[in-house]
């Protein structure tokens, strides 16, 4: 579904995979029913689907994470939206069980169904339009990031050999940056605060960490299954077919660790500083730091300033649809 609506090609033939499924008993999984042990039913695909499942489906999933779910633009917009929700959180109370008033996070963590049913996009949209002084900070943050398009600037993406302590990395990056900005050639670079550098960790895998996705799936051989049915004289007894295959020796799939750096300077800057010089110095510091820790550059560049670019937006609400031109 996601590959279809995102316009991404998928070589996995889901229809053929579903048509190959049979219901078999899995001897590894059992339950006690009426004092007797019984093996559980499971959906068993044809063993011909092994390579398609292991490579095509797993690669499609990994590609969706790389190109959509964990794309740099998705990650930084997600970061900004989380900030809006954090500013909004203390001022929104939702009625839960027994009339208890709860915040959005309390409703989610405690899974109070009476309160959690109200936590959706419509609640956030309503709060963004409500003229409450307590919500002004969240509303200003939302309009700055999403209406005026003043979002974080992409710096670089680096692949790592192993996970890192990114709070420590960010503190060391900012300290080295502020030390180097005192040099004459970096005189127009502003002093950075830790909050102005965003390090977003990204883990790319195939869904089961480093394990083979087909490890716990019960496969069958269609010819052996048909022969067993013929011997039993009934298609209803295939559930106990002994000729099943379980592939536990699949090649391990490598899990990749990446980190994406974003630059989110506080605006407005002083007249003696420029965003370009600050950005270029941060790129130099980040690149040198990651090379010293054996990081491999995946993608570099910077997001151009979109604040003055006009684009046509279509906003659709449950009640009405409006079309207008906005400075984004």
Protein backbone atom coordinates (compact mmCIF):
# COMPACT_ATOMS: atom_id res chain seq x y z
CA UNK A 1 0.00 0.00 0.00
CA UNK A 2 2.66 2.53 1.02
CA UNK A 3 4.84 1.68 -1.98
CA UNK A 4 1.84 2.13 -4.30
CA UNK A 5 0.75 5.52 -2.95
CA UNK A 6 4.33 6.80 -2.79
CA UNK A 7 4.94 5.78 -6.40
CA UNK A 8 7.75 3.37 -5.47
CA UNK A 9 8.23 0.17 -7.41
CA UNK A 10 7.93 -3.11 -5.53
CA UNK A 11 8.99 -6.41 -7.06
CA UNK A 12 7.19 -8.41 -4.37
CA UNK A 13 4.13 -10.17 -5.82
CA UNK A 14 1.72 -10.08 -2.88
CA UNK A 15 -1.13 -11.72 -4.81
CA UNK A 16 0.96 -14.76 -5.72
CA UNK A 17 2.23 -15.03 -2.15
CA UNK A 18 -1.31 -14.98 -0.71
CA UNK A 19 -2.54 -17.56 -3.22
CA UNK A 20 0.24 -19.95 -2.18
CA UNK A 21 -0.76 -19.93 1.51
CA UNK A 22 -2.05 -23.13 3.15
CA UNK A 23 -3.17 -23.76 6.71
CA UNK A 24 -0.84 -26.18 8.52
CA UNK A 25 -0.04 -27.10 12.09
CA UNK A 26 3.21 -25.68 13.47
CA UNK A 27 4.95 -28.29 15.63
CA UNK A 28 7.03 -25.61 17.36
CA UNK A 29 3.97 -23.89 18.79
CA UNK A 30 1.46 -25.75 20.93
CA UNK A 31 -1.26 -25.11 23.52
CA UNK A 32 -3.09 -27.28 26.06
CA UNK A 33 -6.75 -27.79 25.10
CA UNK A 34 -8.95 -29.95 27.36
CA UNK A 35 -5.86 -31.48 28.93
CA UNK A 36 -4.31 -32.44 25.57
CA UNK A 37 -1.47 -30.73 23.76
CA UNK A 38 -2.31 -29.44 20.30
CA UNK A 39 -0.12 -27.74 17.71
CA UNK A 40 -1.27 -24.31 16.60
CA UNK A 41 -2.48 -23.54 13.09
CA UNK A 42 -0.33 -21.24 10.98
CA UNK A 43 -0.32 -19.84 7.46
CA UNK A 44 2.33 -21.66 5.45
CA UNK A 45 3.54 -20.21 2.11
CA UNK A 46 5.06 -22.29 -0.66
CA UNK A 47 8.82 -22.67 -0.26
CA UNK A 48 9.19 -21.18 -3.75
CA UNK A 49 8.27 -17.86 -2.11
CA UNK A 50 11.30 -17.96 0.18
CA UNK A 51 13.62 -15.79 -1.94
CA UNK A 52 10.79 -13.40 -2.81
CA UNK A 53 9.91 -12.96 0.85
CA UNK A 54 13.48 -12.73 2.07
CA UNK A 55 14.77 -10.34 -0.59
CA UNK A 56 11.91 -8.60 -2.43
CA UNK A 57 9.57 -7.93 0.51
CA UNK A 58 12.39 -7.15 2.95
CA UNK A 59 14.15 -4.89 0.44
CA UNK A 60 10.89 -3.07 -0.30
CA UNK A 61 10.42 -2.44 3.41
CA UNK A 62 14.01 -1.22 3.79
CA UNK A 63 13.54 1.03 0.74
CA UNK A 64 10.38 2.58 2.22
CA UNK A 65 12.24 3.44 5.40
CA UNK A 66 15.13 4.92 3.44
CA UNK A 67 13.04 6.89 0.95
CA UNK A 68 9.98 7.85 3.00
CA UNK A 69 9.69 7.00 6.69
CA UNK A 70 13.25 8.05 7.56
CA UNK A 71 13.88 10.53 4.76
CA UNK A 72 15.63 13.70 5.91
CA UNK A 73 12.60 15.93 5.24
CA UNK A 74 10.23 13.58 7.07
CA UNK A 75 12.57 13.49 10.06
CA UNK A 76 12.97 17.23 10.46
CA UNK A 77 9.25 17.94 10.01
CA UNK A 78 8.58 15.24 12.61
CA UNK A 79 11.07 16.97 14.93
CA UNK A 80 9.31 20.33 14.53
CA UNK A 81 5.86 18.80 15.05
CA UNK A 82 7.05 17.14 18.25
CA UNK A 83 8.21 20.55 19.46
CA UNK A 84 4.74 22.01 18.74
CA UNK A 85 3.10 19.20 20.72
CA UNK A 86 5.52 19.70 23.62
CA UNK A 87 4.54 23.38 23.81
CA UNK A 88 0.87 22.50 23.57
CA UNK A 89 0.94 19.58 26.03
CA UNK A 90 0.65 21.36 29.44
CA UNK A 91 -2.37 23.42 28.35
CA UNK A 92 -4.63 20.68 26.93
CA UNK A 93 -6.74 18.64 29.35
CA UNK A 94 -8.90 15.74 28.16
CA UNK A 95 -11.62 14.00 30.23
CA UNK A 96 -10.74 10.39 31.00
CA UNK A 97 -12.11 7.68 33.23
CA UNK A 98 -14.24 8.87 36.13
CA UNK A 99 -13.97 12.46 34.87
CA UNK A 100 -10.23 12.72 35.50
CA UNK A 101 -8.62 15.45 33.38
CA UNK A 102 -5.48 14.20 31.60
CA UNK A 103 -2.85 15.56 29.23
CA UNK A 104 -2.29 13.99 25.81
CA UNK A 105 0.81 12.10 26.93
CA UNK A 106 -0.92 10.78 30.05
CA UNK A 107 -3.80 9.47 27.93
CA UNK A 108 -1.33 7.70 25.64
CA UNK A 109 1.00 6.28 28.31
CA UNK A 110 -1.78 5.12 30.63
CA UNK A 111 -3.89 4.08 27.62
CA UNK A 112 -7.06 5.59 28.99
CA UNK A 113 -9.49 4.79 26.17
CA UNK A 114 -12.00 7.47 27.16
CA UNK A 115 -9.34 10.17 26.85
CA UNK A 116 -7.23 8.60 24.10
CA UNK A 117 -10.10 8.62 21.60
CA UNK A 118 -9.87 12.44 21.51
CA UNK A 119 -6.12 12.53 20.75
CA UNK A 120 -6.10 12.89 16.98
CA UNK A 121 -5.38 15.44 14.27
CA UNK A 122 -8.70 17.23 14.76
CA UNK A 123 -7.81 18.04 18.39
CA UNK A 124 -4.45 19.52 17.35
CA UNK A 125 -6.03 21.56 14.53
CA UNK A 126 -8.65 22.90 16.91
CA UNK A 127 -6.04 23.92 19.49
CA UNK A 128 -3.97 25.66 16.81
CA UNK A 129 -7.00 27.83 15.96
CA UNK A 130 -8.16 28.50 19.53
CA UNK A 131 -7.36 32.08 20.69
CA UNK A 132 -5.82 31.15 24.06
CA UNK A 133 -2.77 33.03 25.39
CA UNK A 134 -1.38 29.76 26.78
CA UNK A 135 -1.30 28.23 23.28
CA UNK A 136 0.30 31.21 21.53
CA UNK A 137 3.83 29.76 21.77
CA UNK A 138 2.72 26.50 20.14
CA UNK A 139 0.72 28.35 17.46
CA UNK A 140 3.66 30.65 16.64
CA UNK A 141 6.00 27.65 16.43
CA UNK A 142 3.61 25.86 14.09
CA UNK A 143 3.18 28.84 11.75
CA UNK A 144 6.91 29.53 11.74
CA UNK A 145 7.79 25.96 10.81
CA UNK A 146 4.93 24.87 8.56
CA UNK A 147 3.37 28.07 7.19
CA UNK A 148 6.47 30.23 6.76
CA UNK A 149 8.68 27.15 6.11
CA UNK A 150 11.46 28.22 8.48
CA UNK A 151 12.64 24.67 9.08
CA UNK A 152 15.98 23.20 10.06
CA UNK A 153 18.72 23.14 7.42
CA UNK A 154 20.05 19.78 6.33
CA UNK A 155 23.82 19.46 6.87
CA UNK A 156 25.04 15.91 6.20
CA UNK A 157 24.11 12.26 6.55
CA UNK A 158 26.78 9.85 7.77
CA UNK A 159 26.80 6.06 8.08
CA UNK A 160 28.33 4.74 11.30
CA UNK A 161 29.95 1.46 12.23
CA UNK A 162 28.05 1.31 15.54
CA UNK A 163 25.56 3.43 17.54
CA UNK A 164 26.91 6.48 19.36
CA UNK A 165 25.95 8.62 22.35
CA UNK A 166 24.48 11.50 20.37
CA UNK A 167 24.02 13.81 23.36
CA UNK A 168 27.75 13.59 23.97
CA UNK A 169 28.51 13.96 20.26
CA UNK A 170 26.36 17.08 19.98
CA UNK A 171 28.00 18.70 23.01
CA UNK A 172 31.47 18.00 21.60
CA UNK A 173 30.48 19.33 18.17
CA UNK A 174 29.15 22.60 19.59
CA UNK A 175 32.23 23.03 21.82
CA UNK A 176 34.60 22.55 18.87
CA UNK A 177 32.48 24.85 16.69
CA UNK A 178 32.50 27.67 19.26
CA UNK A 179 36.24 27.28 19.70
CA UNK A 180 36.95 27.51 15.96
CA UNK A 181 34.58 30.41 15.32
CA UNK A 182 37.01 32.65 17.24
CA UNK A 183 39.50 32.30 14.39
CA UNK A 184 39.67 35.30 12.00
CA UNK A 185 38.46 33.36 8.95
CA UNK A 186 35.23 32.46 10.78
CA UNK A 187 34.48 35.88 12.20
CA UNK A 188 30.92 36.01 10.82
CA UNK A 189 29.86 32.66 12.28
CA UNK A 190 27.49 33.02 15.25
CA UNK A 191 28.00 31.32 18.58
CA UNK A 192 25.99 28.11 18.73
CA UNK A 193 23.86 26.71 21.49
CA UNK A 194 23.39 22.95 21.83
CA UNK A 195 19.70 23.32 20.96
CA UNK A 196 20.60 24.70 17.51
CA UNK A 197 22.23 21.45 16.37
CA UNK A 198 19.95 18.45 15.77
CA UNK A 199 21.40 14.96 15.45
CA UNK A 200 18.77 12.49 14.28
CA UNK A 201 19.78 8.80 14.57
CA UNK A 202 18.50 6.49 11.83
CA UNK A 203 18.50 2.69 11.97
CA UNK A 204 17.95 0.91 8.64
CA UNK A 205 17.11 -2.78 8.70
CA UNK A 206 14.83 -5.38 7.16
CA UNK A 207 12.41 -5.73 10.05
CA UNK A 208 14.08 -8.32 12.31
CA UNK A 209 17.35 -6.57 13.13
CA UNK A 210 20.12 -8.86 11.81
CA UNK A 211 17.99 -12.01 11.69
CA UNK A 212 16.64 -13.65 8.56
CA UNK A 213 13.01 -12.48 7.99
CA UNK A 214 12.03 -16.03 6.97
CA UNK A 215 13.41 -17.64 10.10
CA UNK A 216 10.11 -18.21 11.91
CA UNK A 217 7.93 -18.93 8.88
CA UNK A 218 6.74 -22.48 8.12
CA UNK A 219 7.07 -23.29 4.41
CA UNK A 220 5.63 -26.24 2.51
CA UNK A 221 6.41 -28.05 -0.71
CA UNK A 222 3.35 -28.07 -2.94
CA UNK A 223 4.19 -31.38 -4.64
CA UNK A 224 4.75 -33.18 -1.36
CA UNK A 225 1.58 -31.65 0.02
CA UNK A 226 -0.48 -32.84 -2.97
CA UNK A 227 1.03 -36.33 -2.64
CA UNK A 228 0.13 -36.44 1.05
CA UNK A 229 -3.44 -35.37 0.33
CA UNK A 230 -3.75 -38.10 -2.28
CA UNK A 231 -2.47 -40.73 0.16
CA UNK A 232 -4.92 -39.62 2.86
CA UNK A 233 -7.81 -39.47 0.42
CA UNK A 234 -9.04 -36.14 1.82
CA UNK A 235 -7.93 -32.52 1.55
CA UNK A 236 -9.08 -31.91 5.12
CA UNK A 237 -6.17 -33.81 6.68
CA UNK A 238 -3.37 -31.69 5.26
CA UNK A 239 -3.08 -29.94 8.60
CA UNK A 240 -0.88 -32.71 9.98
CA UNK A 241 1.33 -32.97 6.89
CA UNK A 242 4.88 -33.84 8.03
CA UNK A 243 6.55 -32.55 4.85
CA UNK A 244 7.10 -28.94 5.88
CA UNK A 245 10.23 -26.84 5.61
CA UNK A 246 11.65 -24.33 8.06
CA UNK A 247 14.62 -22.28 6.88
CA UNK A 248 16.84 -21.34 9.82
CA UNK A 249 20.03 -20.84 7.88
CA UNK A 250 19.32 -17.66 5.99
CA UNK A 251 22.16 -15.22 5.46
CA UNK A 252 22.13 -12.56 8.20
CA UNK A 253 21.09 -9.12 6.99
CA UNK A 254 23.27 -6.23 8.00
CA UNK A 255 21.77 -3.53 10.17
CA UNK A 256 22.93 -0.03 9.26
CA UNK A 257 23.31 2.92 11.60
CA UNK A 258 23.21 6.48 10.32
CA UNK A 259 23.03 9.96 11.77
CA UNK A 260 21.60 13.05 10.06
CA UNK A 261 22.72 16.48 11.19
CA UNK A 262 20.44 19.53 10.95
CA UNK A 263 21.22 23.18 11.65
CA UNK A 264 18.39 25.12 13.31
CA UNK A 265 19.69 28.60 14.21
CA UNK A 266 17.77 30.97 16.40
CA UNK A 267 16.44 33.89 14.37
CA UNK A 268 16.99 36.73 13.91
CA UNK A 269 20.78 36.68 13.95
CA UNK A 270 22.89 39.66 14.81
CA UNK A 271 23.86 41.92 11.91
CA UNK A 272 27.52 40.87 12.30
CA UNK A 273 26.71 37.19 11.66
CA UNK A 274 25.59 35.33 8.55
CA UNK A 275 23.72 32.04 8.26
CA UNK A 276 26.00 30.90 5.42
CA UNK A 277 29.23 31.27 7.42
CA UNK A 278 27.71 29.56 10.44
CA UNK A 279 26.42 26.71 8.27
CA UNK A 280 29.75 26.23 6.45
CA UNK A 281 31.68 26.09 9.71
CA UNK A 282 29.25 23.54 11.15
CA UNK A 283 29.65 21.38 8.02
CA UNK A 284 33.44 21.49 8.40
CA UNK A 285 33.32 20.60 12.10
CA UNK A 286 30.76 17.82 11.68
CA UNK A 287 32.58 16.31 8.71
CA UNK A 288 35.92 16.27 10.52
CA UNK A 289 34.39 14.83 13.70
CA UNK A 290 32.68 11.97 11.86
CA UNK A 291 35.77 11.14 9.82
CA UNK A 292 37.76 10.84 13.03
CA UNK A 293 35.15 8.33 14.26
CA UNK A 294 35.21 6.31 11.01
CA UNK A 295 31.90 7.63 9.75
CA UNK A 296 31.22 7.32 6.01
CA UNK A 297 29.58 10.26 4.23
CA UNK A 298 26.29 9.22 2.60
CA UNK A 299 24.84 12.52 1.42
CA UNK A 300 25.96 16.10 1.78
CA UNK A 301 24.55 19.49 0.96
CA UNK A 302 22.37 22.18 2.43
CA UNK A 303 18.72 23.03 2.24
CA UNK A 304 18.22 26.29 0.31
CA UNK A 305 16.34 29.11 1.96
CA UNK A 306 12.66 28.50 1.13
CA UNK A 307 11.21 31.32 3.23
CA UNK A 308 10.60 33.66 0.27
CA UNK A 309 9.55 31.03 -2.25
CA UNK A 310 5.85 31.21 -3.12
CA UNK A 311 4.01 27.99 -3.67
CA UNK A 312 0.37 27.17 -4.09
CA UNK A 313 -1.15 25.29 -1.16
CA UNK A 314 -4.40 23.41 -0.97
CA UNK A 315 -5.69 23.02 2.58
CA UNK A 316 -8.59 20.65 3.03
CA UNK A 317 -10.63 20.48 6.21
CA UNK A 318 -13.64 18.41 7.16
CA UNK A 319 -15.91 21.43 6.68
CA UNK A 320 -14.45 23.38 3.78
CA UNK A 321 -11.61 23.57 1.31
CA UNK A 322 -9.64 26.74 0.66
CA UNK A 323 -7.05 27.54 -1.99
CA UNK A 324 -4.60 30.34 -1.49
CA UNK A 325 -1.04 31.46 -2.12
CA UNK A 326 1.27 31.52 0.85
CA UNK A 327 4.82 32.73 1.38
CA UNK A 328 6.51 29.36 1.96
